[in-house]
Amino acid sequence: MAPTIKIGIIGGSGLDDSQILESRSEKVVSTHFGNPSDVLIEGKIAGVDCVLLARHGRNHSIMPSNVNYRANIWALKTLGCTHVIVSTATGSLQEQIHPGDLVIPDNFIDRTTKRAQTFYDGNDMLVGVCHVPMEPAFCNRTRDALIETAKELGLVGVHNKGTVVTIEGPRFSSKAESNLFRQWGADLVNMTLVPEVVLAKEAGLCYAAIAMATDYDCWRDCGENVNVADVLATFKKNVSKVTQLITAVIPKIAEMDWTETIDELSKTVNGSIMLPHSN
């Protein structure tokens, strides 16, 4: 029997508007890994069950390193989500990715240092060590659905792939760091994609991101360097594209048969767990 589809939506800076949901109700969820960033808001989009969570809290009071990513992902899993679609503000590291453009990332480089990246940390709920593979890093079927929906909507400035460097933050990159990331072949830089993408895979959830380029970071020799005011202004100006894409893709995802995809993901995770053995 095909699984019942329920889609978690994690909104980043500028996208935590619960008005995209119908029949909204708030749910307080506590997890084995602590409390998520805020209450979870359950509701429907085009008749499909969804759960909305503000990554930084609805007052944007939680800095990137202090987000309880484990609690956020586990709370969505607890409420029965099969998919997670997230928005994230990013800096562009490539001239052809303009501020206001959307990117559907297909890979990441992790430059964080302080964040728990696994649920299997020796706790008494999940036994063993999980060496989950991160290729593919994102759910390709969910990414394809986003890409096709963006085409159908006629959205301009949508890039079908990209590598995101996730930095610790909350500071922005130095110019030397920004240029280094470009030398690595990265397309975007942000502060929140890791460990979210890793934990979603470990939890067996189909995860994809919509990254909005809000600025050119600081690598260019011309134009403004990245600053908070410009980031928020660009996101506010273009956030309707993200909302439009999310609300349009959700019924398409719900119409698809995800049995094999979810089963394969579950097998990958279970096969990655090394159980302790007695001597």
C-alpha atoms as a PDB file:
ATOM      1  CA  MET A   1       0.000   0.000   0.000  1.00  0.00           C
ATOM      2  CA  ALA A   2       1.345   3.433  -0.944  1.00  0.00           C
ATOM      3  CA  PRO A   3       2.418   5.554   2.044  1.00  0.00           C
ATOM      4  CA  THR A   4       0.250   8.479   3.136  1.00  0.00           C
ATOM      5  CA  ILE A   5       2.099  11.625   2.116  1.00  0.00           C
ATOM      6  CA  LYS A   6       2.604  14.382   4.656  1.00  0.00           C
ATOM      7  CA  ILE A   7       4.962  17.239   3.924  1.00  0.00           C
ATOM      8  CA  GLY A   8       7.003  19.206   6.422  1.00  0.00           C
ATOM      9  CA  ILE A   9       7.911  22.758   5.433  1.00  0.00           C
ATOM     10  CA  ILE A  10      10.793  24.474   7.196  1.00  0.00           C
ATOM     11  CA  GLY A  11      10.834  28.202   6.592  1.00  0.00           C
ATOM     12  CA  GLY A  12      14.031  30.179   6.906  1.00  0.00           C
ATOM     13  CA  SER A  13      14.533  33.929   7.010  1.00  0.00           C
ATOM     14  CA  GLY A  14      11.411  35.507   5.551  1.00  0.00           C
ATOM     15  CA  LEU A  15       9.308  32.365   5.037  1.00  0.00           C
ATOM     16  CA  ASP A  16       7.406  31.334   8.128  1.00  0.00           C
ATOM     17  CA  ASP A  17       3.957  32.602   7.131  1.00  0.00           C
ATOM     18  CA  SER A  18       1.343  30.140   8.367  1.00  0.00           C
ATOM     19  CA  GLN A  19      -1.243  31.723   6.053  1.00  0.00           C
ATOM     20  CA  ILE A  20      -0.149  29.318   3.302  1.00  0.00           C
ATOM     21  CA  LEU A  21      -1.927  26.571   5.293  1.00  0.00           C
ATOM     22  CA  GLU A  22      -5.654  25.946   5.482  1.00  0.00           C
ATOM     23  CA  SER A  23      -7.346  24.614   8.646  1.00  0.00           C
ATOM     24  CA  ARG A  24      -4.341  25.576  10.757  1.00  0.00           C
ATOM     25  CA  SER A  25      -3.738  24.282  14.254  1.00  0.00           C
ATOM     26  CA  GLU A  26      -0.705  24.661  16.489  1.00  0.00           C
ATOM     27  CA  LYS A  27       0.955  21.649  18.038  1.00  0.00           C
ATOM     28  CA  VAL A  28       3.597  21.698  20.775  1.00  0.00           C
ATOM     29  CA  VAL A  29       6.001  18.798  20.282  1.00  0.00           C
ATOM     30  CA  SER A  30       8.822  17.753  22.579  1.00  0.00           C
ATOM     31  CA  THR A  31      11.374  15.205  21.410  1.00  0.00           C
ATOM     32  CA  HIS A  32      14.076  12.987  22.853  1.00  0.00           C
ATOM     33  CA  PHE A  33      16.509  15.551  21.420  1.00  0.00           C
ATOM     34  CA  GLY A  34      14.890  18.574  23.044  1.00  0.00           C
ATOM     35  CA  ASN A  35      12.390  21.122  21.809  1.00  0.00           C
ATOM     36  CA  PRO A  36      12.096  22.285  18.201  1.00  0.00           C
ATOM     37  CA  SER A  37      12.520  25.922  17.248  1.00  0.00           C
ATOM     38  CA  ASP A  38       8.839  26.757  17.723  1.00  0.00           C
ATOM     39  CA  VAL A  39       5.391  25.228  17.767  1.00  0.00           C
ATOM     40  CA  LEU A  40       4.561  23.167  14.699  1.00  0.00           C
ATOM     41  CA  ILE A  41       1.620  24.380  12.645  1.00  0.00           C
ATOM     42  CA  GLU A  42      -0.418  21.622  11.025  1.00  0.00           C
ATOM     43  CA  GLY A  43      -2.795  22.247   8.150  1.00  0.00           C
ATOM     44  CA  LYS A  44      -3.427  21.523   4.497  1.00  0.00           C
ATOM     45  CA  ILE A  45      -2.244  22.839   1.156  1.00  0.00           C
ATOM     46  CA  ALA A  46      -4.482  21.814  -1.756  1.00  0.00           C
ATOM     47  CA  GLY A  47      -5.917  19.100   0.483  1.00  0.00           C
ATOM     48  CA  VAL A  48      -2.501  17.642   1.367  1.00  0.00           C
ATOM     49  CA  ASP A  49      -1.484  17.346   5.023  1.00  0.00           C
ATOM     50  CA  CYS A  50       1.434  19.663   5.825  1.00  0.00           C
ATOM     51  CA  VAL A  51       3.387  20.857   8.855  1.00  0.00           C
ATOM     52  CA  LEU A  52       5.069  24.261   8.967  1.00  0.00           C
ATOM     53  CA  LEU A  53       8.023  25.050  11.233  1.00  0.00           C
ATOM     54  CA  ALA A  54       9.970  28.301  11.541  1.00  0.00           C
ATOM     55  CA  ARG A  55      13.649  27.285  11.606  1.00  0.00           C
ATOM     56  CA  HIS A  56      14.767  30.314  13.632  1.00  0.00           C
ATOM     57  CA  GLY A  57      11.525  30.634  15.602  1.00  0.00           C
ATOM     58  CA  ARG A  58       8.680  32.863  14.505  1.00  0.00           C
ATOM     59  CA  ASN A  59      10.450  35.866  16.059  1.00  0.00           C
ATOM     60  CA  HIS A  60      13.722  34.918  14.350  1.00  0.00           C
ATOM     61  CA  SER A  61      15.395  34.729  17.749  1.00  0.00           C
ATOM     62  CA  ILE A  62      17.570  31.625  17.215  1.00  0.00           C
ATOM     63  CA  MET A  63      20.933  32.046  15.506  1.00  0.00           C
ATOM     64  CA  PRO A  64      22.014  29.346  13.011  1.00  0.00           C
ATOM     65  CA  SER A  65      24.376  27.468  15.333  1.00  0.00           C
ATOM     66  CA  ASN A  66      21.762  27.344  18.111  1.00  0.00           C
ATOM     67  CA  VAL A  67      18.951  25.889  16.004  1.00  0.00           C
ATOM     68  CA  ASN A  68      18.050  22.465  17.409  1.00  0.00           C
ATOM     69  CA  TYR A  69      18.159  20.758  14.027  1.00  0.00           C
ATOM     70  CA  ARG A  70      17.738  17.297  15.553  1.00  0.00           C
ATOM     71  CA  ALA A  71      14.586  18.292  17.415  1.00  0.00           C
ATOM     72  CA  ASN A  72      13.175  20.029  14.323  1.00  0.00           C
ATOM     73  CA  ILE A  73      13.623  17.013  12.056  1.00  0.00           C
ATOM     74  CA  TRP A  74      12.561  14.485  14.686  1.00  0.00           C
ATOM     75  CA  ALA A  75       9.412  16.490  15.465  1.00  0.00           C
ATOM     76  CA  LEU A  76       8.421  16.418  11.789  1.00  0.00           C
ATOM     77  CA  LYS A  77       9.097  12.676  11.674  1.00  0.00           C
ATOM     78  CA  THR A  78       7.053  12.190  14.855  1.00  0.00           C
ATOM     79  CA  LEU A  79       4.084  13.937  13.246  1.00  0.00           C
ATOM     80  CA  GLY A  80       4.249  11.493  10.330  1.00  0.00           C
ATOM     81  CA  CYS A  81       5.962  13.564   7.654  1.00  0.00           C
ATOM     82  CA  THR A  82       7.338  11.653   4.686  1.00  0.00           C
ATOM     83  CA  HIS A  83       8.891  14.695   2.992  1.00  0.00           C
ATOM     84  CA  VAL A  84      10.610  17.905   4.044  1.00  0.00           C
ATOM     85  CA  ILE A  85      10.827  20.931   1.760  1.00  0.00           C
ATOM     86  CA  VAL A  86      12.802  23.892   3.086  1.00  0.00           C
ATOM     87  CA  SER A  87      13.590  27.444   2.100  1.00  0.00           C
ATOM     88  CA  THR A  88      16.965  28.988   2.779  1.00  0.00           C
ATOM     89  CA  ALA A  89      18.557  32.354   2.119  1.00  0.00           C
ATOM     90  CA  THR A  90      21.971  32.074   0.474  1.00  0.00           C
ATOM     91  CA  GLY A  91      24.762  34.167  -0.915  1.00  0.00           C
ATOM     92  CA  SER A  92      25.645  33.642  -4.564  1.00  0.00           C
ATOM     93  CA  LEU A  93      29.210  32.634  -5.390  1.00  0.00           C
ATOM     94  CA  GLN A  94      28.657  32.692  -9.150  1.00  0.00           C
ATOM     95  CA  GLU A  95      27.985  35.661 -11.428  1.00  0.00           C
ATOM     96  CA  GLN A  96      25.188  33.869 -13.283  1.00  0.00           C
ATOM     97  CA  ILE A  97      23.205  33.271 -10.079  1.00  0.00           C
ATOM     98  CA  HIS A  98      21.664  36.683  -9.498  1.00  0.00           C
ATOM     99  CA  PRO A  99      20.097  38.011  -6.304  1.00  0.00           C
ATOM    100  CA  GLY A 100      16.461  36.914  -6.361  1.00  0.00           C
ATOM    101  CA  ASP A 101      17.223  33.725  -8.306  1.00  0.00           C
ATOM    102  CA  LEU A 102      16.177  30.344  -6.945  1.00  0.00           C
ATOM    103  CA  VAL A 103      18.440  27.294  -6.862  1.00  0.00           C
ATOM    104  CA  ILE A 104      17.421  23.670  -6.233  1.00  0.00           C
ATOM    105  CA  PRO A 105      20.662  22.406  -4.634  1.00  0.00           C
ATOM    106  CA  ASP A 106      22.017  18.935  -5.338  1.00  0.00           C
ATOM    107  CA  ASN A 107      25.098  18.950  -3.104  1.00  0.00           C
ATOM    108  CA  PHE A 108      26.773  20.600  -0.135  1.00  0.00           C
ATOM    109  CA  ILE A 109      30.118  21.300   1.501  1.00  0.00           C
ATOM    110  CA  ASP A 110      30.100  21.370   5.299  1.00  0.00           C
ATOM    111  CA  ARG A 111      32.148  24.041   7.034  1.00  0.00           C
ATOM    112  CA  THR A 112      30.302  23.922  10.362  1.00  0.00           C
ATOM    113  CA  THR A 113      32.058  22.834  13.553  1.00  0.00           C
ATOM    114  CA  LYS A 114      29.604  22.905  16.467  1.00  0.00           C
ATOM    115  CA  ARG A 115      26.505  21.017  15.377  1.00  0.00           C
ATOM    116  CA  ALA A 116      25.191  17.553  16.201  1.00  0.00           C
ATOM    117  CA  GLN A 117      24.864  15.719  12.881  1.00  0.00           C
ATOM    118  CA  THR A 118      23.396  12.367  13.919  1.00  0.00           C
ATOM    119  CA  PHE A 119      20.566  10.952  15.989  1.00  0.00           C
ATOM    120  CA  TYR A 120      22.727   7.925  16.825  1.00  0.00           C
ATOM    121  CA  ASP A 121      24.882   9.537  19.497  1.00  0.00           C
ATOM    122  CA  GLY A 122      24.867   6.803  22.131  1.00  0.00           C
ATOM    123  CA  ASN A 123      21.435   7.689  23.511  1.00  0.00           C
ATOM    124  CA  ASP A 124      19.152   4.982  24.883  1.00  0.00           C
ATOM    125  CA  MET A 125      16.573   5.324  22.082  1.00  0.00           C
ATOM    126  CA  LEU A 126      18.628   4.645  18.958  1.00  0.00           C
ATOM    127  CA  VAL A 127      21.330   2.014  19.242  1.00  0.00           C
ATOM    128  CA  GLY A 128      24.514   1.925  17.182  1.00  0.00           C
ATOM    129  CA  VAL A 129      26.442   4.318  14.956  1.00  0.00           C
ATOM    130  CA  CYS A 130      24.927   5.473  11.667  1.00  0.00           C
ATOM    131  CA  HIS A 131      27.389   6.047   8.806  1.00  0.00           C
ATOM    132  CA  VAL A 132      24.758   7.367   6.415  1.00  0.00           C
ATOM    133  CA  PRO A 133      25.971   7.972   2.821  1.00  0.00           C
ATOM    134  CA  MET A 134      25.340  11.493   1.544  1.00  0.00           C
ATOM    135  CA  GLU A 135      25.337  10.845  -2.189  1.00  0.00           C
ATOM    136  CA  PRO A 136      22.792  11.722  -3.300  1.00  0.00           C
ATOM    137  CA  ALA A 137      22.611  14.401  -0.622  1.00  0.00           C
ATOM    138  CA  PHE A 138      19.045  15.415  -1.492  1.00  0.00           C
ATOM    139  CA  CYS A 139      16.034  13.413  -2.633  1.00  0.00           C
ATOM    140  CA  ASN A 140      16.290  13.503  -6.407  1.00  0.00           C
ATOM    141  CA  ARG A 141      12.606  12.750  -7.038  1.00  0.00           C
ATOM    142  CA  THR A 142      11.561  15.642  -4.797  1.00  0.00           C
ATOM    143  CA  ARG A 143      14.125  17.887  -6.510  1.00  0.00           C
ATOM    144  CA  ASP A 144      12.811  16.850  -9.930  1.00  0.00           C
ATOM    145  CA  ALA A 145       9.270  17.680  -8.844  1.00  0.00           C
ATOM    146  CA  LEU A 146      10.389  21.158  -7.782  1.00  0.00           C
ATOM    147  CA  ILE A 147      12.289  21.729 -11.033  1.00  0.00           C
ATOM    148  CA  GLU A 148       9.393  20.599 -13.227  1.00  0.00           C
ATOM    149  CA  THR A 149       6.878  22.652 -11.243  1.00  0.00           C
ATOM    150  CA  ALA A 150       9.055  25.758 -11.537  1.00  0.00           C
ATOM    151  CA  LYS A 151       9.085  25.268 -15.327  1.00  0.00           C
ATOM    152  CA  GLU A 152       5.323  24.825 -15.443  1.00  0.00           C
ATOM    153  CA  LEU A 153       4.844  27.997 -13.416  1.00  0.00           C
ATOM    154  CA  GLY A 154       7.136  29.889 -15.783  1.00  0.00           C
ATOM    155  CA  LEU A 155       9.355  31.101 -12.958  1.00  0.00           C
ATOM    156  CA  VAL A 156      12.454  32.855 -14.262  1.00  0.00           C
ATOM    157  CA  GLY A 157      15.884  32.652 -12.685  1.00  0.00           C
ATOM    158  CA  VAL A 158      15.569  29.072 -11.418  1.00  0.00           C
ATOM    159  CA  HIS A 159      18.741  26.956 -11.445  1.00  0.00           C
ATOM    160  CA  ASN A 160      18.336  23.181 -11.489  1.00  0.00           C
ATOM    161  CA  LYS A 161      21.379  22.364  -9.385  1.00  0.00           C
ATOM    162  CA  GLY A 162      24.037  23.885  -7.187  1.00  0.00           C
ATOM    163  CA  THR A 163      26.508  23.153  -4.412  1.00  0.00           C
ATOM    164  CA  VAL A 164      25.977  24.989  -1.130  1.00  0.00           C
ATOM    165  CA  VAL A 165      28.755  25.690   1.362  1.00  0.00           C
ATOM    166  CA  THR A 166      27.290  25.823   4.866  1.00  0.00           C
ATOM    167  CA  ILE A 167      29.307  27.963   7.260  1.00  0.00           C
ATOM    168  CA  GLU A 168      28.929  28.191  11.020  1.00  0.00           C
ATOM    169  CA  GLY A 169      27.826  31.814  11.159  1.00  0.00           C
ATOM    170  CA  PRO A 170      26.341  33.993  12.394  1.00  0.00           C
ATOM    171  CA  ARG A 171      29.011  36.153  10.787  1.00  0.00           C
ATOM    172  CA  PHE A 172      29.274  36.353   7.015  1.00  0.00           C
ATOM    173  CA  SER A 173      32.353  35.122   5.141  1.00  0.00           C
ATOM    174  CA  SER A 174      35.580  37.028   4.754  1.00  0.00           C
ATOM    175  CA  LYS A 175      36.551  37.878   1.184  1.00  0.00           C
ATOM    176  CA  ALA A 176      39.339  35.269   1.292  1.00  0.00           C
ATOM    177  CA  GLU A 177      36.831  32.605   2.415  1.00  0.00           C
ATOM    178  CA  SER A 178      34.350  33.637  -0.255  1.00  0.00           C
ATOM    179  CA  ASN A 179      37.002  33.318  -2.966  1.00  0.00           C
ATOM    180  CA  LEU A 180      38.143  29.973  -1.539  1.00  0.00           C
ATOM    181  CA  PHE A 181      34.611  28.607  -1.776  1.00  0.00           C
ATOM    182  CA  ARG A 182      34.491  29.731  -5.415  1.00  0.00           C
ATOM    183  CA  GLN A 183      37.748  27.885  -6.093  1.00  0.00           C
ATOM    184  CA  TRP A 184      36.123  24.760  -4.676  1.00  0.00           C
ATOM    185  CA  GLY A 185      33.399  25.074  -7.308  1.00  0.00           C
ATOM    186  CA  ALA A 186      30.654  26.014  -4.863  1.00  0.00           C
ATOM    187  CA  ASP A 187      27.675  27.999  -6.087  1.00  0.00           C
ATOM    188  CA  LEU A 188      26.096  29.276  -2.875  1.00  0.00           C
ATOM    189  CA  VAL A 189      26.954  29.924   0.762  1.00  0.00           C
ATOM    190  CA  ASN A 190      24.537  29.728   3.703  1.00  0.00           C
ATOM    191  CA  MET A 191      24.347  28.912   7.420  1.00  0.00           C
ATOM    192  CA  THR A 192      21.585  26.344   7.887  1.00  0.00           C
ATOM    193  CA  LEU A 193      21.527  23.588   5.273  1.00  0.00           C
ATOM    194  CA  VAL A 194      23.879  21.377   7.311  1.00  0.00           C
ATOM    195  CA  PRO A 195      23.115  19.409   9.426  1.00  0.00           C
ATOM    196  CA  GLU A 196      19.461  19.660   8.396  1.00  0.00           C
ATOM    197  CA  VAL A 197      19.973  17.741   5.138  1.00  0.00           C
ATOM    198  CA  VAL A 198      22.020  15.054   6.904  1.00  0.00           C
ATOM    199  CA  LEU A 199      19.507  14.529   9.709  1.00  0.00           C
ATOM    200  CA  ALA A 200      16.573  14.383   7.308  1.00  0.00           C
ATOM    201  CA  LYS A 201      18.247  11.561   5.398  1.00  0.00           C
ATOM    202  CA  GLU A 202      19.109   9.729   8.609  1.00  0.00           C
ATOM    203  CA  ALA A 203      15.460  10.070   9.653  1.00  0.00           C
ATOM    204  CA  GLY A 204      14.335   8.538   6.346  1.00  0.00           C
ATOM    205  CA  LEU A 205      12.665  11.700   5.054  1.00  0.00           C
ATOM    206  CA  CYS A 206      12.647  12.844   1.415  1.00  0.00           C
ATOM    207  CA  TYR A 207      14.376  16.224   1.708  1.00  0.00           C
ATOM    208  CA  ALA A 208      14.815  19.015  -0.827  1.00  0.00           C
ATOM    209  CA  ALA A 209      15.636  22.699  -0.556  1.00  0.00           C
ATOM    210  CA  ILE A 210      14.711  25.888  -2.365  1.00  0.00           C
ATOM    211  CA  ALA A 211      17.645  28.252  -1.980  1.00  0.00           C
ATOM    212  CA  MET A 212      17.183  31.911  -2.760  1.00  0.00           C
ATOM    213  CA  ALA A 213      20.253  33.945  -3.649  1.00  0.00           C
ATOM    214  CA  THR A 214      19.918  37.202  -1.733  1.00  0.00           C
ATOM    215  CA  ASP A 215      23.324  38.734  -2.470  1.00  0.00           C
ATOM    216  CA  TYR A 216      26.750  38.104  -4.010  1.00  0.00           C
ATOM    217  CA  ASP A 217      28.455  37.483  -0.660  1.00  0.00           C
ATOM    218  CA  CYS A 218      31.684  39.561  -0.730  1.00  0.00           C
ATOM    219  CA  TRP A 219      33.851  38.054  -3.500  1.00  0.00           C
ATOM    220  CA  ARG A 220      33.045  40.588  -6.202  1.00  0.00           C
ATOM    221  CA  ASP A 221      35.207  43.669  -6.683  1.00  0.00           C
ATOM    222  CA  CYS A 222      32.175  45.760  -7.606  1.00  0.00           C
ATOM    223  CA  GLY A 223      28.809  46.287  -5.966  1.00  0.00           C
ATOM    224  CA  GLU A 224      27.688  46.044  -2.356  1.00  0.00           C
ATOM    225  CA  ASN A 225      29.072  43.438   0.014  1.00  0.00           C
ATOM    226  CA  VAL A 226      26.579  41.234   1.834  1.00  0.00           C
ATOM    227  CA  ASN A 227      24.668  42.884   4.684  1.00  0.00           C
ATOM    228  CA  VAL A 228      21.547  42.031   6.672  1.00  0.00           C
ATOM    229  CA  ALA A 229      19.379  44.844   5.288  1.00  0.00           C
ATOM    230  CA  ASP A 230      19.947  43.844   1.655  1.00  0.00           C
ATOM    231  CA  VAL A 231      19.477  40.135   2.414  1.00  0.00           C
ATOM    232  CA  LEU A 232      16.085  40.712   4.035  1.00  0.00           C
ATOM    233  CA  ALA A 233      14.998  43.193   1.368  1.00  0.00           C
ATOM    234  CA  THR A 234      15.829  40.777  -1.462  1.00  0.00           C
ATOM    235  CA  PHE A 235      14.114  37.874   0.281  1.00  0.00           C
ATOM    236  CA  LYS A 236      10.999  39.927   0.976  1.00  0.00           C
ATOM    237  CA  LYS A 237      10.857  41.079  -2.639  1.00  0.00           C
ATOM    238  CA  ASN A 238      11.135  37.551  -4.030  1.00  0.00           C
ATOM    239  CA  VAL A 239       9.631  35.334  -1.323  1.00  0.00           C
ATOM    240  CA  SER A 240       6.365  35.051  -3.256  1.00  0.00           C
ATOM    241  CA  LYS A 241       8.230  32.902  -5.821  1.00  0.00           C
ATOM    242  CA  VAL A 242       9.239  30.464  -3.087  1.00  0.00           C
ATOM    243  CA  THR A 243       5.720  30.355  -1.667  1.00  0.00           C
ATOM    244  CA  GLN A 244       4.245  29.870  -5.137  1.00  0.00           C
ATOM    245  CA  LEU A 245       6.620  27.007  -5.889  1.00  0.00           C
ATOM    246  CA  ILE A 246       6.005  25.230  -2.576  1.00  0.00           C
ATOM    247  CA  THR A 247       2.225  25.466  -2.774  1.00  0.00           C
ATOM    248  CA  ALA A 248       2.219  24.283  -6.400  1.00  0.00           C
ATOM    249  CA  VAL A 249       4.573  21.326  -5.929  1.00  0.00           C
ATOM    250  CA  ILE A 250       2.847  19.831  -2.881  1.00  0.00           C
ATOM    251  CA  PRO A 251      -0.225  18.404  -4.674  1.00  0.00           C
ATOM    252  CA  LYS A 252       2.068  17.037  -7.404  1.00  0.00           C
ATOM    253  CA  ILE A 253       4.189  15.228  -4.809  1.00  0.00           C
ATOM    254  CA  ALA A 254       1.045  13.842  -3.183  1.00  0.00           C
ATOM    255  CA  GLU A 255      -0.107  12.367  -6.516  1.00  0.00           C
ATOM    256  CA  MET A 256       3.121  10.393  -6.954  1.00  0.00           C
ATOM    257  CA  ASP A 257       3.763   6.879  -5.651  1.00  0.00           C
ATOM    258  CA  TRP A 258       6.609   7.110  -3.156  1.00  0.00           C
ATOM    259  CA  THR A 259       6.580   3.498  -1.975  1.00  0.00           C
ATOM    260  CA  GLU A 260       9.842   2.470  -3.612  1.00  0.00           C
ATOM    261  CA  THR A 261      11.640   5.747  -2.821  1.00  0.00           C
ATOM    262  CA  ILE A 262      10.785   5.634   0.881  1.00  0.00           C
ATOM    263  CA  ASP A 263      11.570   1.916   1.107  1.00  0.00           C
ATOM    264  CA  GLU A 264      14.979   2.414  -0.520  1.00  0.00           C
ATOM    265  CA  LEU A 265      15.764   5.311   1.797  1.00  0.00           C
ATOM    266  CA  SER A 266      14.806   3.206   4.811  1.00  0.00           C
ATOM    267  CA  LYS A 267      17.024   0.357   3.604  1.00  0.00           C
ATOM    268  CA  THR A 268      19.928   2.753   3.092  1.00  0.00           C
ATOM    269  CA  VAL A 269      19.626   4.099   6.633  1.00  0.00           C
ATOM    270  CA  ASN A 270      19.154   0.689   8.261  1.00  0.00           C
ATOM    271  CA  GLY A 271      22.086  -0.688   6.307  1.00  0.00           C
ATOM    272  CA  SER A 272      24.278   2.165   7.535  1.00  0.00           C
ATOM    273  CA  ILE A 273      23.865   1.384  11.227  1.00  0.00           C
ATOM    274  CA  MET A 274      26.724  -0.451  12.917  1.00  0.00           C
ATOM    275  CA  LEU A 275      25.476  -2.141  16.060  1.00  0.00           C
ATOM    276  CA  PRO A 276      27.702  -2.643  19.090  1.00  0.00           C
ATOM    277  CA  HIS A 277      28.989  -6.174  19.629  1.00  0.00           C
ATOM    278  CA  SER A 278      30.133  -7.883  22.765  1.00  0.00           C
ATOM    279  CA  ASN A 279      33.730  -9.045  23.085  1.00  0.00           C
END
